[in-house]
Full PDB file with SEQRES, HELIX, SHEET, SSBOND, CRYST1, ORIGX, SCALE, CONECT and MASTER records, all heavy atoms in Angstrom:
SEQRES   1 A   31  SER SER ASP ALA MET ARG TRP TYR ARG GLN ALA PRO GLY          
SEQRES   2 A   31  LYS GLY ARG GLU LEU VAL THR SER ILE SER SER SER GLY          
SEQRES   3 A   31  ASN THR TYR TYR ALA                                          
SHEET    1 AA1 3 MET A   5  GLN A  10  0                                        
SHEET    2 AA1 3 ARG A  16  ILE A  22 -1                                        
SHEET    3 AA1 3 THR A  28  TYR A  30 -1                                        
CRYST1    1.000    1.000    1.000  90.00  90.00  90.00 P 1           1          
ORIGX1      1.000000  0.000000  0.000000        0.00000                         
ORIGX2      0.000000  1.000000  0.000000        0.00000                         
ORIGX3      0.000000  0.000000  1.000000        0.00000                         
SCALE1      1.000000  0.000000  0.000000        0.00000                         
SCALE2      0.000000  1.000000  0.000000        0.00000                         
SCALE3      0.000000  0.000000  1.000000        0.00000                         
ATOM      1  N   SER A   1      16.460  -4.919  -9.002  1.00  0.00           N  
ATOM      2  CA  SER A   1      16.266  -6.270  -8.364  1.00  0.00           C  
ATOM      3  C   SER A   1      17.365  -6.662  -7.360  1.00  0.00           C  
ATOM      4  O   SER A   1      17.175  -7.517  -6.495  1.00  0.00           O  
ATOM      5  CB  SER A   1      16.075  -7.275  -9.394  1.00  0.00           C  
ATOM      6  OG  SER A   1      17.332  -7.473 -10.091  1.00  0.00           O  
ATOM      7  N   SER A   2      18.404  -5.902  -7.401  1.00  0.00           N  
ATOM      8  CA  SER A   2      19.646  -6.273  -6.568  1.00  0.00           C  
ATOM      9  C   SER A   2      19.729  -5.450  -5.289  1.00  0.00           C  
ATOM     10  O   SER A   2      20.572  -5.713  -4.416  1.00  0.00           O  
ATOM     11  CB  SER A   2      20.957  -6.068  -7.320  1.00  0.00           C  
ATOM     12  OG  SER A   2      20.978  -6.933  -8.477  1.00  0.00           O  
ATOM     13  N   ASP A   3      18.850  -4.485  -5.171  1.00  0.00           N  
ATOM     14  CA  ASP A   3      18.895  -3.512  -4.018  1.00  0.00           C  
ATOM     15  C   ASP A   3      17.633  -3.582  -3.185  1.00  0.00           C  
ATOM     16  O   ASP A   3      16.540  -3.767  -3.712  1.00  0.00           O  
ATOM     17  CB  ASP A   3      19.156  -2.128  -4.567  1.00  0.00           C  
ATOM     18  CG  ASP A   3      20.609  -1.912  -4.867  1.00  0.00           C  
ATOM     19  OD1 ASP A   3      21.378  -1.680  -3.905  1.00  0.00           O  
ATOM     20  OD2 ASP A   3      20.937  -1.933  -6.032  1.00  0.00           O  
ATOM     21  N   ALA A   4      17.839  -3.229  -1.840  1.00  0.00           N  
ATOM     22  CA  ALA A   4      16.738  -3.097  -1.021  1.00  0.00           C  
ATOM     23  C   ALA A   4      16.039  -1.776  -1.340  1.00  0.00           C  
ATOM     24  O   ALA A   4      16.615  -0.882  -1.965  1.00  0.00           O  
ATOM     25  CB  ALA A   4      17.242  -2.991   0.415  1.00  0.00           C  
ATOM     26  N   MET A   5      14.760  -1.697  -0.970  1.00  0.00           N  
ATOM     27  CA  MET A   5      14.019  -0.494  -1.238  1.00  0.00           C  
ATOM     28  C   MET A   5      13.294  -0.133   0.172  1.00  0.00           C  
ATOM     29  O   MET A   5      12.957  -1.016   0.932  1.00  0.00           O  
ATOM     30  CB  MET A   5      13.006  -0.620  -2.278  1.00  0.00           C  
ATOM     31  CG  MET A   5      13.659  -0.829  -3.679  1.00  0.00           C  
ATOM     32  SD  MET A   5      14.615   0.542  -4.205  1.00  0.00           S  
ATOM     33  CE  MET A   5      13.350   1.866  -4.320  1.00  0.00           C  
ATOM     34  N   ARG A   6      13.073   1.188   0.378  1.00  0.00           N  
ATOM     35  CA  ARG A   6      12.602   1.582   1.677  1.00  0.00           C  
ATOM     36  C   ARG A   6      11.510   2.695   1.399  1.00  0.00           C  
ATOM     37  O   ARG A   6      11.662   3.427   0.461  1.00  0.00           O  
ATOM     38  CB  ARG A   6      13.687   2.067   2.562  1.00  0.00           C  
ATOM     39  CG  ARG A   6      14.791   1.093   2.854  1.00  0.00           C  
ATOM     40  CD  ARG A   6      15.973   1.804   3.432  1.00  0.00           C  
ATOM     41  NE  ARG A   6      17.068   0.783   3.814  1.00  0.00           N  
ATOM     42  CZ  ARG A   6      18.356   1.086   3.944  1.00  0.00           C  
ATOM     43  NH1 ARG A   6      18.808   2.345   3.838  1.00  0.00           N  
ATOM     44  NH2 ARG A   6      19.174   0.142   4.268  1.00  0.00           N  
ATOM     45  N   TRP A   7      10.625   2.766   2.346  1.00  0.00           N  
ATOM     46  CA  TRP A   7       9.713   3.987   2.430  1.00  0.00           C  
ATOM     47  C   TRP A   7       9.953   4.624   3.835  1.00  0.00           C  
ATOM     48  O   TRP A   7      10.003   3.951   4.852  1.00  0.00           O  
ATOM     49  CB  TRP A   7       8.257   3.465   2.366  1.00  0.00           C  
ATOM     50  CG  TRP A   7       7.788   3.068   1.064  1.00  0.00           C  
ATOM     51  CD1 TRP A   7       7.745   1.815   0.558  1.00  0.00           C  
ATOM     52  CD2 TRP A   7       7.387   3.882  -0.032  1.00  0.00           C  
ATOM     53  NE1 TRP A   7       7.242   1.786  -0.797  1.00  0.00           N  
ATOM     54  CE2 TRP A   7       6.957   3.013  -1.074  1.00  0.00           C  
ATOM     55  CE3 TRP A   7       7.172   5.236  -0.149  1.00  0.00           C  
ATOM     56  CZ2 TRP A   7       6.440   3.534  -2.349  1.00  0.00           C  
ATOM     57  CZ3 TRP A   7       6.785   5.823  -1.402  1.00  0.00           C  
ATOM     58  CH2 TRP A   7       6.380   4.977  -2.492  1.00  0.00           C  
ATOM     59  N   TYR A   8      10.186   5.926   3.688  1.00  0.00           N  
ATOM     60  CA  TYR A   8      10.208   6.820   4.824  1.00  0.00           C  
ATOM     61  C   TYR A   8       9.023   7.734   4.811  1.00  0.00           C  
ATOM     62  O   TYR A   8       8.428   7.941   3.773  1.00  0.00           O  
ATOM     63  CB  TYR A   8      11.512   7.646   4.767  1.00  0.00           C  
ATOM     64  CG  TYR A   8      12.802   6.853   5.071  1.00  0.00           C  
ATOM     65  CD1 TYR A   8      13.401   6.056   4.124  1.00  0.00           C  
ATOM     66  CD2 TYR A   8      13.431   7.086   6.353  1.00  0.00           C  
ATOM     67  CE1 TYR A   8      14.624   5.431   4.427  1.00  0.00           C  
ATOM     68  CE2 TYR A   8      14.600   6.390   6.617  1.00  0.00           C  
ATOM     69  CZ  TYR A   8      15.174   5.592   5.635  1.00  0.00           C  
ATOM     70  OH  TYR A   8      16.384   4.941   5.907  1.00  0.00           O  
ATOM     71  N   ARG A   9       8.871   8.400   5.984  1.00  0.00           N  
ATOM     72  CA  ARG A   9       7.890   9.465   5.961  1.00  0.00           C  
ATOM     73  C   ARG A   9       8.356  10.591   6.896  1.00  0.00           C  
ATOM     74  O   ARG A   9       9.099  10.344   7.807  1.00  0.00           O  
ATOM     75  CB  ARG A   9       6.524   9.006   6.404  1.00  0.00           C  
ATOM     76  CG  ARG A   9       6.365   8.517   7.866  1.00  0.00           C  
ATOM     77  CD  ARG A   9       5.063   7.908   8.135  1.00  0.00           C  
ATOM     78  NE  ARG A   9       4.904   7.423   9.529  1.00  0.00           N  
ATOM     79  CZ  ARG A   9       3.761   6.752   9.962  1.00  0.00           C  
ATOM     80  NH1 ARG A   9       2.833   6.445   9.168  1.00  0.00           N  
ATOM     81  NH2 ARG A   9       3.788   6.330  11.223  1.00  0.00           N  
ATOM     82  N   GLN A  10       7.826  11.771   6.640  1.00  0.00           N  
ATOM     83  CA  GLN A  10       8.079  12.874   7.482  1.00  0.00           C  
ATOM     84  C   GLN A  10       6.826  13.723   7.635  1.00  0.00           C  
ATOM     85  O   GLN A  10       6.280  14.283   6.720  1.00  0.00           O  
ATOM     86  CB  GLN A  10       9.161  13.779   6.815  1.00  0.00           C  
ATOM     87  CG  GLN A  10       9.698  14.944   7.701  1.00  0.00           C  
ATOM     88  CD  GLN A  10      10.933  15.507   7.187  1.00  0.00           C  
ATOM     89  OE1 GLN A  10      11.377  15.356   5.949  1.00  0.00           O  
ATOM     90  NE2 GLN A  10      11.710  16.207   8.058  1.00  0.00           N  
ATOM     91  N   ALA A  11       6.421  13.710   8.927  1.00  0.00           N  
ATOM     92  CA  ALA A  11       5.307  14.492   9.338  1.00  0.00           C  
ATOM     93  C   ALA A  11       5.669  16.012   9.616  1.00  0.00           C  
ATOM     94  O   ALA A  11       6.848  16.258   9.858  1.00  0.00           O  
ATOM     95  CB  ALA A  11       4.610  13.878  10.586  1.00  0.00           C  
ATOM     96  N   PRO A  12       4.745  16.889   9.564  1.00  0.00           N  
ATOM     97  CA  PRO A  12       5.105  18.291   9.829  1.00  0.00           C  
ATOM     98  C   PRO A  12       5.694  18.415  11.171  1.00  0.00           C  
ATOM     99  O   PRO A  12       5.198  17.991  12.161  1.00  0.00           O  
ATOM    100  CB  PRO A  12       3.672  18.978   9.769  1.00  0.00           C  
ATOM    101  CG  PRO A  12       2.796  18.137   8.900  1.00  0.00           C  
ATOM    102  CD  PRO A  12       3.288  16.664   9.201  1.00  0.00           C  
ATOM    103  N   GLY A  13       6.817  19.089  11.130  1.00  0.00           N  
ATOM    104  CA  GLY A  13       7.630  19.447  12.449  1.00  0.00           C  
ATOM    105  C   GLY A  13       8.333  18.327  13.011  1.00  0.00           C  
ATOM    106  O   GLY A  13       8.849  18.334  14.117  1.00  0.00           O  
ATOM    107  N   LYS A  14       8.415  17.138  12.272  1.00  0.00           N  
ATOM    108  CA  LYS A  14       9.120  15.985  12.770  1.00  0.00           C  
ATOM    109  C   LYS A  14      10.205  15.520  11.804  1.00  0.00           C  
ATOM    110  O   LYS A  14      10.256  15.952  10.695  1.00  0.00           O  
ATOM    111  CB  LYS A  14       8.178  14.844  13.058  1.00  0.00           C  
ATOM    112  CG  LYS A  14       7.122  15.103  14.083  1.00  0.00           C  
ATOM    113  CD  LYS A  14       6.206  13.855  14.351  1.00  0.00           C  
ATOM    114  CE  LYS A  14       5.235  14.140  15.507  1.00  0.00           C  
ATOM    115  NZ  LYS A  14       4.521  12.905  15.761  1.00  0.00           N  
ATOM    116  N   GLY A  15      11.050  14.686  12.347  1.00  0.00           N  
ATOM    117  CA  GLY A  15      12.182  14.136  11.535  1.00  0.00           C  
ATOM    118  C   GLY A  15      11.609  13.022  10.595  1.00  0.00           C  
ATOM    119  O   GLY A  15      10.528  12.522  10.723  1.00  0.00           O  
ATOM    120  N   ARG A  16      12.455  12.679   9.656  1.00  0.00           N  
ATOM    121  CA  ARG A  16      12.108  11.618   8.749  1.00  0.00           C  
ATOM    122  C   ARG A  16      12.313  10.241   9.437  1.00  0.00           C  
ATOM    123  O   ARG A  16      13.372  10.046  10.073  1.00  0.00           O  
ATOM    124  CB  ARG A  16      13.014  11.731   7.427  1.00  0.00           C  
ATOM    125  CG  ARG A  16      12.549  11.000   6.264  1.00  0.00           C  
ATOM    126  CD  ARG A  16      13.265  11.310   5.038  1.00  0.00           C  
ATOM    127  NE  ARG A  16      13.035  12.763   4.613  1.00  0.00           N  
ATOM    128  CZ  ARG A  16      13.443  13.187   3.417  1.00  0.00           C  
ATOM    129  NH1 ARG A  16      14.082  12.453   2.624  1.00  0.00           N  
ATOM    130  NH2 ARG A  16      13.214  14.450   3.093  1.00  0.00           N  
ATOM    131  N   GLU A  17      11.371   9.394   9.282  1.00  0.00           N  
ATOM    132  CA  GLU A  17      11.399   8.014   9.942  1.00  0.00           C  
ATOM    133  C   GLU A  17      11.210   6.934   8.899  1.00  0.00           C  
ATOM    134  O   GLU A  17      10.411   7.097   7.932  1.00  0.00           O  
ATOM    135  CB  GLU A  17      10.288   8.009  11.046  1.00  0.00           C  
ATOM    136  CG  GLU A  17       8.898   7.992  10.553  1.00  0.00           C  
ATOM    137  CD  GLU A  17       7.879   7.613  11.534  1.00  0.00           C  
ATOM    138  OE1 GLU A  17       8.215   7.070  12.682  1.00  0.00           O  
ATOM    139  OE2 GLU A  17       6.646   7.865  11.372  1.00  0.00           O  
ATOM    140  N   LEU A  18      11.897   5.868   9.222  1.00  0.00           N  
ATOM    141  CA  LEU A  18      11.737   4.705   8.346  1.00  0.00           C  
ATOM    142  C   LEU A  18      10.402   4.000   8.675  1.00  0.00           C  
ATOM    143  O   LEU A  18      10.136   3.634   9.882  1.00  0.00           O  
ATOM    144  CB  LEU A  18      12.924   3.694   8.633  1.00  0.00           C  
ATOM    145  CG  LEU A  18      12.897   2.385   7.874  1.00  0.00           C  
ATOM    146  CD1 LEU A  18      12.952   2.591   6.370  1.00  0.00           C  
ATOM    147  CD2 LEU A  18      13.956   1.474   8.334  1.00  0.00           C  
ATOM    148  N   VAL A  19       9.617   3.735   7.583  1.00  0.00           N  
ATOM    149  CA  VAL A  19       8.329   3.122   7.751  1.00  0.00           C  
ATOM    150  C   VAL A  19       8.393   1.606   7.511  1.00  0.00           C  
ATOM    151  O   VAL A  19       7.917   0.801   8.261  1.00  0.00           O  
ATOM    152  CB  VAL A  19       7.307   3.736   6.846  1.00  0.00           C  
ATOM    153  CG1 VAL A  19       5.955   2.947   6.919  1.00  0.00           C  
ATOM    154  CG2 VAL A  19       7.119   5.261   7.130  1.00  0.00           C  
ATOM    155  N   THR A  20       9.050   1.266   6.379  1.00  0.00           N  
ATOM    156  CA  THR A  20       9.149  -0.106   6.022  1.00  0.00           C  
ATOM    157  C   THR A  20      10.307  -0.356   5.014  1.00  0.00           C  
ATOM    158  O   THR A  20      10.628   0.656   4.298  1.00  0.00           O  
ATOM    159  CB  THR A  20       7.825  -0.548   5.445  1.00  0.00           C  
ATOM    160  OG1 THR A  20       7.913  -1.996   5.025  1.00  0.00           O  
ATOM    161  CG2 THR A  20       7.452   0.223   4.265  1.00  0.00           C  
ATOM    162  N   SER A  21      10.797  -1.579   4.871  1.00  0.00           N  
ATOM    163  CA  SER A  21      11.750  -1.779   3.916  1.00  0.00           C  
ATOM    164  C   SER A  21      11.576  -3.173   3.377  1.00  0.00           C  
ATOM    165  O   SER A  21      10.969  -4.115   3.988  1.00  0.00           O  
ATOM    166  CB  SER A  21      13.179  -1.587   4.463  1.00  0.00           C  
ATOM    167  OG  SER A  21      13.429  -2.658   5.418  1.00  0.00           O  
ATOM    168  N   ILE A  22      12.093  -3.410   2.139  1.00  0.00           N  
ATOM    169  CA  ILE A  22      12.084  -4.802   1.592  1.00  0.00           C  
ATOM    170  C   ILE A  22      13.442  -5.092   0.991  1.00  0.00           C  
ATOM    171  O   ILE A  22      13.951  -4.162   0.223  1.00  0.00           O  
ATOM    172  CB  ILE A  22      10.898  -4.892   0.557  1.00  0.00           C  
ATOM    173  CG1 ILE A  22      10.829  -6.351   0.052  1.00  0.00           C  
ATOM    174  CG2 ILE A  22      11.013  -3.911  -0.590  1.00  0.00           C  
ATOM    175  CD1 ILE A  22       9.522  -6.605  -0.707  1.00  0.00           C  
ATOM    176  N   SER A  23      13.980  -6.243   1.257  1.00  0.00           N  
ATOM    177  CA  SER A  23      15.300  -6.550   0.756  1.00  0.00           C  
ATOM    178  C   SER A  23      15.141  -7.112  -0.719  1.00  0.00           C  
ATOM    179  O   SER A  23      14.068  -7.375  -1.142  1.00  0.00           O  
ATOM    180  CB  SER A  23      16.000  -7.617   1.638  1.00  0.00           C  
ATOM    181  OG  SER A  23      15.377  -8.829   1.460  1.00  0.00           O  
ATOM    182  N   SER A  24      16.375  -7.295  -1.388  1.00  0.00           N  
ATOM    183  CA  SER A  24      16.342  -7.808  -2.638  1.00  0.00           C  
ATOM    184  C   SER A  24      15.699  -9.218  -2.699  1.00  0.00           C  
ATOM    185  O   SER A  24      15.146  -9.681  -3.757  1.00  0.00           O  
ATOM    186  CB  SER A  24      17.815  -7.815  -3.250  1.00  0.00           C  
ATOM    187  OG  SER A  24      18.589  -8.711  -2.431  1.00  0.00           O  
ATOM    188  N   SER A  25      15.778  -9.983  -1.563  1.00  0.00           N  
ATOM    189  CA  SER A  25      15.178 -11.297  -1.527  1.00  0.00           C  
ATOM    190  C   SER A  25      13.832 -11.365  -1.051  1.00  0.00           C  
ATOM    191  O   SER A  25      13.198 -12.397  -0.921  1.00  0.00           O  
ATOM    192  CB  SER A  25      16.141 -12.144  -0.661  1.00  0.00           C  
ATOM    193  OG  SER A  25      16.181 -11.697   0.678  1.00  0.00           O  
ATOM    194  N   GLY A  26      13.308 -10.102  -0.679  1.00  0.00           N  
ATOM    195  CA  GLY A  26      11.844 -10.076  -0.218  1.00  0.00           C  
ATOM    196  C   GLY A  26      11.608 -10.033   1.223  1.00  0.00           C  
ATOM    197  O   GLY A  26      10.491 -10.007   1.637  1.00  0.00           O  
ATOM    198  N   ASN A  27      12.638 -10.054   1.950  1.00  0.00           N  
ATOM    199  CA  ASN A  27      12.509  -9.884   3.462  1.00  0.00           C  
ATOM    200  C   ASN A  27      12.006  -8.477   3.807  1.00  0.00           C  
ATOM    201  O   ASN A  27      12.500  -7.444   3.218  1.00  0.00           O  
ATOM    202  CB  ASN A  27      13.741 -10.174   4.212  1.00  0.00           C  
ATOM    203  CG  ASN A  27      14.249 -11.531   4.049  1.00  0.00           C  
ATOM    204  OD1 ASN A  27      13.418 -12.489   4.039  1.00  0.00           O  
ATOM    205  ND2 ASN A  27      15.515 -11.862   3.856  1.00  0.00           N  
ATOM    206  N   THR A  28      11.093  -8.430   4.704  1.00  0.00           N  
ATOM    207  CA  THR A  28      10.535  -7.042   5.019  1.00  0.00           C  
ATOM    208  C   THR A  28      10.651  -6.727   6.494  1.00  0.00           C  
ATOM    209  O   THR A  28      10.877  -7.534   7.352  1.00  0.00           O  
ATOM    210  CB  THR A  28       8.991  -7.145   4.754  1.00  0.00           C  
ATOM    211  OG1 THR A  28       8.439  -8.168   5.487  1.00  0.00           O  
ATOM    212  CG2 THR A  28       8.712  -7.339   3.252  1.00  0.00           C  
ATOM    213  N   TYR A  29      10.656  -5.341   6.722  1.00  0.00           N  
ATOM    214  CA  TYR A  29      10.675  -4.836   7.993  1.00  0.00           C  
ATOM    215  C   TYR A  29       9.556  -3.723   8.094  1.00  0.00           C  
ATOM    216  O   TYR A  29       9.389  -3.028   7.120  1.00  0.00           O  
ATOM    217  CB  TYR A  29      12.110  -4.137   8.243  1.00  0.00           C  
ATOM    218  CG  TYR A  29      11.996  -3.096   9.370  1.00  0.00           C  
ATOM    219  CD1 TYR A  29      12.105  -3.434  10.720  1.00  0.00           C  
ATOM    220  CD2 TYR A  29      11.793  -1.727   9.049  1.00  0.00           C  
ATOM    221  CE1 TYR A  29      11.987  -2.484  11.722  1.00  0.00           C  
ATOM    222  CE2 TYR A  29      11.654  -0.750  10.061  1.00  0.00           C  
ATOM    223  CZ  TYR A  29      11.742  -1.198  11.463  1.00  0.00           C  
ATOM    224  OH  TYR A  29      11.642  -0.285  12.396  1.00  0.00           O  
ATOM    225  N   TYR A  30       8.940  -3.655   9.247  1.00  0.00           N  
ATOM    226  CA  TYR A  30       7.881  -2.611   9.465  1.00  0.00           C  
ATOM    227  C   TYR A  30       8.074  -1.918  10.784  1.00  0.00           C  
ATOM    228  O   TYR A  30       8.468  -2.626  11.762  1.00  0.00           O  
ATOM    229  CB  TYR A  30       6.425  -3.243   9.467  1.00  0.00           C  
ATOM    230  CG  TYR A  30       6.115  -3.851   8.141  1.00  0.00           C  
ATOM    231  CD1 TYR A  30       6.324  -5.170   7.873  1.00  0.00           C  
ATOM    232  CD2 TYR A  30       5.579  -3.069   7.133  1.00  0.00           C  
ATOM    233  CE1 TYR A  30       5.978  -5.780   6.703  1.00  0.00           C  
ATOM    234  CE2 TYR A  30       5.161  -3.534   5.891  1.00  0.00           C  
ATOM    235  CZ  TYR A  30       5.412  -4.941   5.648  1.00  0.00           C  
ATOM    236  OH  TYR A  30       5.064  -5.492   4.465  1.00  0.00           O  
ATOM    237  N   ALA A  31       8.003  -0.638  10.772  1.00  0.00           N  
ATOM    238  CA  ALA A  31       7.963   0.036  12.099  1.00  0.00           C  
ATOM    239  C   ALA A  31       6.709  -0.404  12.855  1.00  0.00           C  
ATOM    240  O   ALA A  31       5.681  -0.713  12.363  1.00  0.00           O  
ATOM    241  CB  ALA A  31       7.827   1.583  11.865  1.00  0.00           C  
TER     242      ALA A  31                                                      
MASTER        0    0    0    0    3    0    0    6  241    1    0    3          
END                                                                             
């Protein structure tokens, strides 16, 4: 509950990219 969490993805032949994140307080970010 004290840490942010993130989802990344990696498509074939590409680098890993940040998709979305959520902070401990519930603030979100989306690509």
